[in-house]
């Protein structure tokens, strides 16, 4: 946080402070830092991913969805995990077909994902609901 005293709009320091607050369970403080990080560096996909996770921790699902979608638009391959998080939001919203689509996109982007079998099982369970 010392670097924020020197430059309060320094994106990497804002992101780092947001991560620290998130891991400490201080989601409102994390959100404050991460929103500032996104404002300072609007083309950094990782900031949007972190922002989505933080919005989710605060049960702000619409905002989380938009943040994950922005992360994917900036870095579809590097942040493919955002598809999984979007699928979980769609499941919460009873949007089963969209959840399946996100799980398919996740598996397509990361065919060797460590949680591949669990994702396939979840996708199968969702397909039975259609």
Protein backbone atom coordinates (compact mmCIF):
# COMPACT_ATOMS: atom_id res chain seq x y z
CA UNK A 1 0.00 0.00 0.00
CA UNK A 2 3.03 2.27 0.23
CA UNK A 3 3.10 2.62 -3.53
CA UNK A 4 -0.49 3.88 -3.38
CA UNK A 5 0.70 6.75 -1.19
CA UNK A 6 3.06 7.75 -3.96
CA UNK A 7 0.59 7.15 -6.79
CA UNK A 8 -2.99 6.40 -5.67
CA UNK A 9 -3.97 5.47 -9.25
CA UNK A 10 -1.26 2.83 -9.83
CA UNK A 11 -3.14 -0.16 -11.23
CA UNK A 12 -0.85 -2.99 -10.09
CA UNK A 13 -0.81 -1.67 -6.51
CA UNK A 14 -4.58 -1.26 -6.52
CA UNK A 15 -4.97 -4.81 -7.84
CA UNK A 16 -2.55 -6.15 -5.22
CA UNK A 17 -4.35 -4.35 -2.41
CA UNK A 18 -7.65 -5.69 -3.71
CA UNK A 19 -6.30 -9.24 -3.73
CA UNK A 20 -5.03 -8.87 -0.17
CA UNK A 21 -8.37 -7.54 1.05
CA UNK A 22 -10.24 -10.29 -0.81
CA UNK A 23 -8.13 -13.02 0.79
CA UNK A 24 -8.67 -11.40 4.18
CA UNK A 25 -12.43 -11.61 3.60
CA UNK A 26 -12.80 -7.83 3.39
CA UNK A 27 -14.85 -7.91 0.22
CA UNK A 28 -16.14 -4.35 0.35
CA UNK A 29 -12.60 -3.01 0.69
CA UNK A 30 -11.43 -5.39 -2.05
CA UNK A 31 -14.17 -4.10 -4.30
CA UNK A 32 -13.08 -0.51 -3.71
CA UNK A 33 -9.51 -1.28 -4.74
CA UNK A 34 -10.46 -3.43 -7.71
CA UNK A 35 -12.94 -0.92 -9.10
CA UNK A 36 -10.16 1.68 -8.95
CA UNK A 37 -7.75 -0.77 -10.61
CA UNK A 38 -10.20 -1.27 -13.50
CA UNK A 39 -10.59 2.49 -13.83
CA UNK A 40 -6.79 2.93 -13.88
CA UNK A 41 -6.17 0.08 -16.34
CA UNK A 42 -9.38 -0.65 -18.26
CA UNK A 43 -7.71 -3.17 -20.58
CA UNK A 44 -6.33 -5.53 -17.90
CA UNK A 45 -8.48 -8.65 -18.09
CA UNK A 46 -7.24 -10.05 -14.78
CA UNK A 47 -8.68 -7.02 -12.95
CA UNK A 48 -12.13 -7.83 -14.32
CA UNK A 49 -11.79 -11.47 -13.29
CA UNK A 50 -10.90 -10.43 -9.75
CA UNK A 51 -13.71 -7.90 -9.78
CA UNK A 52 -16.16 -10.63 -10.82
CA UNK A 53 -15.04 -12.87 -7.98
CA UNK A 54 -15.44 -10.01 -5.53
CA UNK A 55 -18.89 -9.07 -6.77
CA UNK A 56 -19.84 -12.73 -6.42
CA UNK A 57 -18.57 -12.82 -2.84
CA UNK A 58 -20.90 -9.87 -2.19
CA UNK A 59 -23.85 -11.62 -3.93
CA UNK A 60 -23.91 -8.99 -6.66
CA UNK A 61 -24.48 -11.48 -9.45
CA UNK A 62 -25.40 -9.11 -12.27
CA UNK A 63 -22.25 -7.08 -11.74
CA UNK A 64 -20.21 -10.29 -11.43
CA UNK A 65 -21.61 -11.54 -14.74
CA UNK A 66 -20.64 -8.32 -16.52
CA UNK A 67 -17.13 -8.39 -15.03
CA UNK A 68 -16.55 -12.01 -16.10
CA UNK A 69 -17.84 -11.24 -19.59
CA UNK A 70 -15.47 -8.28 -19.84
CA UNK A 71 -12.54 -10.45 -18.68
CA UNK A 72 -13.36 -12.95 -21.42
CA UNK A 73 -13.69 -10.25 -24.06
CA UNK A 74 -10.19 -9.01 -23.22
CA UNK A 75 -8.49 -12.41 -22.77
CA UNK A 76 -10.69 -15.34 -23.85
CA UNK A 77 -7.97 -17.98 -23.59
CA UNK A 78 -6.05 -16.77 -20.55
CA UNK A 79 -9.14 -16.28 -18.43
CA UNK A 80 -11.22 -19.18 -19.68
CA UNK A 81 -12.02 -19.98 -16.03
CA UNK A 82 -14.46 -17.06 -16.21
CA UNK A 83 -16.73 -19.37 -18.28
CA UNK A 84 -16.99 -21.66 -15.26
CA UNK A 85 -17.89 -18.74 -12.99
CA UNK A 86 -20.48 -17.54 -15.50
CA UNK A 87 -21.96 -21.03 -15.60
CA UNK A 88 -22.38 -20.93 -11.83
CA UNK A 89 -24.16 -17.59 -12.05
CA UNK A 90 -26.49 -18.93 -14.74
CA UNK A 91 -27.23 -21.98 -12.58
CA UNK A 92 -28.19 -19.64 -9.71
CA UNK A 93 -30.48 -17.79 -12.13
CA UNK A 94 -32.06 -21.03 -13.46
CA UNK A 95 -30.66 -20.30 -16.92
CA UNK A 96 -29.67 -23.90 -17.59
CA UNK A 97 -29.03 -23.71 -21.33
CA UNK A 98 -26.71 -20.73 -20.88
CA UNK A 99 -24.89 -22.49 -18.05
CA UNK A 100 -24.31 -25.50 -20.30
CA UNK A 101 -23.01 -23.19 -23.02
CA UNK A 102 -20.49 -21.66 -20.62
CA UNK A 103 -19.34 -25.09 -19.44
CA UNK A 104 -18.91 -26.15 -23.07
CA UNK A 105 -16.87 -23.01 -23.75
CA UNK A 106 -14.74 -23.68 -20.66
CA UNK A 107 -13.99 -27.25 -21.75
CA UNK A 108 -13.29 -26.13 -25.32
CA UNK A 109 -10.84 -23.46 -24.13
CA UNK A 110 -9.18 -25.72 -21.54
CA UNK A 111 -9.46 -29.31 -22.77
CA UNK A 112 -6.97 -30.45 -20.12
CA UNK A 113 -8.58 -28.54 -17.24
CA UNK A 114 -7.79 -30.18 -13.90
CA UNK A 115 -11.49 -30.20 -12.99
CA UNK A 116 -12.56 -31.54 -16.39
CA UNK A 117 -14.35 -34.63 -15.05
CA UNK A 118 -16.31 -32.62 -12.48
CA UNK A 119 -17.33 -30.10 -15.16
CA UNK A 120 -18.45 -32.90 -17.49
CA UNK A 121 -20.51 -34.42 -14.67
CA UNK A 122 -22.10 -31.05 -13.87
CA UNK A 123 -22.86 -30.47 -17.55
CA UNK A 124 -24.54 -33.90 -17.78
CA UNK A 125 -26.68 -33.14 -14.72
CA UNK A 126 -27.75 -29.83 -16.25
CA UNK A 127 -28.60 -31.44 -19.60
CA UNK A 128 -30.99 -33.80 -17.82
CA UNK A 129 -32.88 -30.72 -16.55
CA UNK A 130 -33.56 -29.41 -20.05
